[in-house]
Amino acid sequence: MLSFWQIERGKEKSEIYENFAQSLKQKEIKIENLDTNFNNFTKVEILGKFLNKPQFLLDNVVVNRKPGFEIITPFKVKDKIILVNRGWVDNNYRQIVPNIDIINQKQSIVGYIYYYNKTYELSSDTYTQDDILIIQNIDFDSIEKLLNQTVMPYILMMNENQNNSYIRKKVYKKNPELKHYMYAGQWFLFSIIALIFAFKLLKRNKDE
């Protein structure tokens, strides 16, 4: 059963990867109003204003085997907010909070839409009035209540080499389908070994 589940997961991941690869070949769409109808990985250019505070540091993000944070900053477009992932910074062994100040609040930014999936969290986040909050997951409802403004149910993955951007962690470096097929092959092999072992054990019991 696990092997078939891995095959199905491989197919799903392959479809997502293909959508990702195809979408990033398209030219970005200039948008003036935020809505909830964007497809995942849609490339966009938006004009608005970064909010200086609060900002969020998404914890436990590893780049090149180094732990760090992804910087999540609210970006206001007219009367709505989109959360912008500005990129990755080292966590400096948690000794100091990294400097993530905004250089120019008002700007045009380019990136792609990304629907964030919650990950397993060891503890619940507490959304306070601090200027910088360290979080385990992006809880759109809690952030919306904190800001008291409408927050879009997706984030903008900001491209590198722009004002206020940092290192971009790649969502996909390669098609993840192969990994699931390898797992499926392993489970098939384990199943065959288990059957052979069970057959030999049954034969031994009959002989006795």
Protein backbone atom coordinates (compact mmCIF):
# COMPACT_ATOMS: atom_id res chain seq x y z
CA MET A 1 0.00 0.00 0.00
CA LEU A 2 2.79 2.41 0.90
CA SER A 3 4.48 1.83 -2.45
CA PHE A 4 1.28 2.73 -4.35
CA TRP A 5 0.86 5.81 -2.13
CA GLN A 6 4.40 6.91 -3.01
CA ILE A 7 3.66 6.48 -6.73
CA GLU A 8 0.54 8.66 -6.41
CA ARG A 9 2.55 11.24 -4.45
CA GLY A 10 5.16 11.18 -7.21
CA LYS A 11 2.52 11.90 -9.84
CA GLU A 12 1.09 14.78 -7.78
CA LYS A 13 4.52 16.30 -7.20
CA SER A 14 5.35 15.93 -10.89
CA GLU A 15 2.20 17.85 -11.88
CA ILE A 16 2.99 20.63 -9.38
CA TYR A 17 6.56 20.83 -10.65
CA GLU A 18 5.42 21.06 -14.27
CA ASN A 19 3.00 23.87 -13.36
CA PHE A 20 5.82 25.62 -11.52
CA ALA A 21 8.25 25.29 -14.44
CA GLN A 22 5.71 26.43 -17.02
CA SER A 23 4.47 29.38 -14.98
CA LEU A 24 7.95 30.76 -14.45
CA LYS A 25 8.51 30.87 -18.21
CA GLN A 26 5.69 33.39 -18.52
CA LYS A 27 6.13 37.15 -18.30
CA GLU A 28 4.98 38.68 -15.03
CA ILE A 29 1.51 40.24 -14.91
CA LYS A 30 1.25 43.81 -13.67
CA ILE A 31 -1.57 43.99 -11.19
CA GLU A 32 -3.15 46.94 -9.42
CA ASN A 33 -5.67 45.11 -7.26
CA LEU A 34 -5.22 41.98 -5.19
CA ASP A 35 -7.76 39.19 -5.45
CA THR A 36 -8.04 35.54 -4.48
CA ASN A 37 -8.14 34.07 -7.98
CA PHE A 38 -4.44 33.77 -8.76
CA ASN A 39 -3.08 30.37 -9.71
CA ASN A 40 -0.12 28.99 -7.82
CA PHE A 41 3.24 30.22 -9.20
CA THR A 42 1.71 33.09 -11.22
CA LYS A 43 4.41 35.68 -11.89
CA VAL A 44 3.32 39.17 -10.90
CA GLU A 45 4.55 42.72 -10.52
CA ILE A 46 2.77 44.82 -7.91
CA LEU A 47 3.10 48.38 -6.68
CA GLY A 48 2.53 49.08 -3.04
CA LYS A 49 4.13 49.86 0.28
CA PHE A 50 5.97 47.66 2.78
CA LEU A 51 4.87 47.94 6.39
CA ASN A 52 7.82 48.45 8.72
CA LYS A 53 6.17 46.51 11.50
CA PRO A 54 5.32 43.95 12.42
CA GLN A 55 7.61 41.67 10.44
CA PHE A 56 7.85 37.90 10.80
CA LEU A 57 10.81 35.54 10.83
CA LEU A 58 9.73 32.09 9.62
CA ASP A 59 11.90 29.74 11.67
CA ASN A 60 13.81 26.54 10.84
CA VAL A 61 14.45 27.21 7.15
CA VAL A 62 17.64 25.51 5.93
CA VAL A 63 19.70 26.83 3.01
CA ASN A 64 23.00 25.16 2.09
CA ARG A 65 22.78 23.15 5.32
CA LYS A 66 22.62 26.30 7.43
CA PRO A 67 19.57 27.05 9.59
CA GLY A 68 18.00 30.45 9.30
CA PHE A 69 14.83 32.46 8.84
CA GLU A 70 12.71 33.53 5.90
CA ILE A 71 11.61 37.15 6.22
CA ILE A 72 7.85 37.64 5.85
CA THR A 73 6.84 41.30 5.50
CA PRO A 74 3.32 42.72 5.00
CA PHE A 75 2.96 44.69 1.76
CA LYS A 76 -0.01 47.00 1.34
CA VAL A 77 -1.72 47.33 -2.04
CA LYS A 78 -4.51 49.88 -1.73
CA ASP A 79 -6.71 48.53 1.07
CA LYS A 80 -5.39 44.95 1.18
CA ILE A 81 -2.28 43.19 2.45
CA ILE A 82 -0.15 40.54 0.78
CA LEU A 83 2.58 38.82 2.76
CA VAL A 84 5.91 38.99 0.94
CA ASN A 85 8.63 36.41 1.46
CA ARG A 86 11.70 38.64 1.05
CA GLY A 87 14.15 35.76 1.29
CA TRP A 88 16.43 33.95 3.73
CA VAL A 89 18.87 35.17 6.38
CA ASP A 90 21.24 33.33 8.72
CA ASN A 91 19.95 33.00 12.27
CA ASN A 92 23.40 33.86 13.71
CA TYR A 93 23.12 30.95 16.14
CA ARG A 94 20.12 32.80 17.64
CA GLN A 95 22.39 35.27 19.41
CA ILE A 96 20.96 38.35 17.72
CA VAL A 97 17.90 39.16 15.65
CA PRO A 98 19.01 39.91 12.06
CA ASN A 99 18.67 43.40 10.68
CA ILE A 100 15.71 43.26 8.28
CA ASP A 101 14.92 46.96 8.02
CA ILE A 102 13.04 48.20 4.97
CA ILE A 103 15.13 50.51 2.74
CA ASN A 104 12.32 52.01 0.69
CA GLN A 105 8.79 51.37 1.86
CA LYS A 106 7.05 52.22 -1.42
CA GLN A 107 8.21 50.23 -4.42
CA SER A 108 7.24 47.93 -7.26
CA ILE A 109 8.18 44.31 -6.57
CA VAL A 110 8.36 41.24 -8.79
CA GLY A 111 7.86 37.64 -7.74
CA TYR A 112 5.39 34.80 -7.95
CA ILE A 113 2.28 33.76 -6.06
CA TYR A 114 2.75 30.83 -3.70
CA TYR A 115 0.09 29.03 -1.68
CA TYR A 116 1.81 28.14 1.55
CA ASN A 117 1.25 24.74 3.18
CA LYS A 118 1.47 24.62 6.95
CA THR A 119 4.23 22.41 8.34
CA TYR A 120 4.40 20.45 11.56
CA GLU A 121 5.07 22.78 14.47
CA LEU A 122 6.58 21.95 17.84
CA SER A 123 4.79 24.81 19.57
CA SER A 124 2.03 27.27 18.76
CA ASP A 125 2.95 30.77 17.65
CA THR A 126 2.00 33.76 19.75
CA TYR A 127 1.13 36.86 17.74
CA THR A 128 1.96 39.90 19.86
CA GLN A 129 2.52 43.59 19.13
CA ASP A 130 6.31 43.19 18.86
CA ASP A 131 8.07 44.72 15.86
CA ILE A 132 9.61 41.36 14.85
CA LEU A 133 7.98 37.99 15.58
CA ILE A 134 9.59 34.57 15.20
CA ILE A 135 6.99 32.09 13.90
CA GLN A 136 6.89 28.38 13.02
CA ASN A 137 4.11 28.64 10.44
CA ILE A 138 2.28 31.33 8.50
CA ASP A 139 -1.13 31.63 10.09
CA PHE A 140 -3.03 33.99 7.79
CA ASP A 141 -6.01 34.34 10.12
CA SER A 142 -3.86 35.30 13.11
CA ILE A 143 -1.84 37.79 11.06
CA GLU A 144 -5.05 39.30 9.68
CA LYS A 145 -6.37 39.81 13.21
CA LEU A 146 -3.04 41.29 14.32
CA LEU A 147 -2.95 43.77 11.42
CA ASN A 148 -6.69 44.39 11.49
CA GLN A 149 -6.66 44.42 7.68
CA THR A 150 -7.59 42.00 4.91
CA VAL A 151 -4.69 39.61 4.21
CA MET A 152 -4.54 37.55 1.01
CA PRO A 153 -4.49 33.73 1.48
CA TYR A 154 -1.16 33.38 -0.36
CA ILE A 155 2.28 34.91 -0.24
CA LEU A 156 4.47 36.59 -2.83
CA MET A 157 7.86 34.95 -3.27
CA MET A 158 9.95 38.02 -4.02
CA ASN A 159 12.68 37.66 -6.65
CA GLU A 160 16.29 38.27 -5.69
CA ASN A 161 18.30 41.38 -6.63
CA GLN A 162 15.59 43.89 -5.75
CA ASN A 163 15.52 46.50 -3.01
CA ASN A 164 14.65 44.83 0.29
CA SER A 165 15.21 41.29 -1.04
CA TYR A 166 17.47 38.59 0.38
CA ILE A 167 18.66 35.12 -0.62
CA ARG A 168 15.89 33.20 -2.36
CA LYS A 169 15.47 29.58 -1.30
CA LYS A 170 14.39 27.54 -4.30
CA VAL A 171 10.95 25.96 -3.97
CA TYR A 172 11.99 23.26 -6.45
CA LYS A 173 15.56 22.57 -7.52
CA LYS A 174 14.50 19.63 -9.70
CA ASN A 175 11.52 17.44 -10.37
CA PRO A 176 10.74 15.68 -7.02
CA GLU A 177 8.93 12.80 -8.76
CA LEU A 178 12.01 10.54 -8.81
CA LYS A 179 12.37 10.60 -5.02
CA HIS A 180 8.86 9.18 -4.52
CA TYR A 181 9.38 6.50 -7.17
CA MET A 182 12.60 5.47 -5.40
CA TYR A 183 10.67 5.19 -2.13
CA ALA A 184 8.01 3.15 -3.93
CA GLY A 185 10.71 0.80 -5.24
CA GLN A 186 12.08 0.39 -1.73
CA TRP A 187 8.65 -0.54 -0.37
CA PHE A 188 8.13 -3.02 -3.19
CA LEU A 189 11.49 -4.60 -2.32
CA PHE A 190 10.64 -4.75 1.37
CA SER A 191 7.32 -6.43 0.51
CA ILE A 192 9.05 -9.08 -1.61
CA ILE A 193 11.62 -9.77 1.14
CA ALA A 194 8.80 -10.08 3.69
CA LEU A 195 6.93 -12.54 1.44
CA ILE A 196 10.04 -14.67 0.91
CA PHE A 197 10.73 -14.69 4.64
CA ALA A 198 7.11 -15.63 5.42
CA PHE A 199 7.18 -18.41 2.79
CA LYS A 200 10.39 -19.89 4.23
CA LEU A 201 9.02 -19.70 7.77
CA LEU A 202 5.80 -21.43 6.70
CA LYS A 203 7.74 -24.16 4.87
CA ARG A 204 9.95 -24.72 7.92
CA ASN A 205 6.89 -25.11 10.16
CA LYS A 206 5.38 -27.67 7.76
CA ASP A 207 8.63 -29.67 7.65
CA GLU A 208 8.70 -29.83 11.42
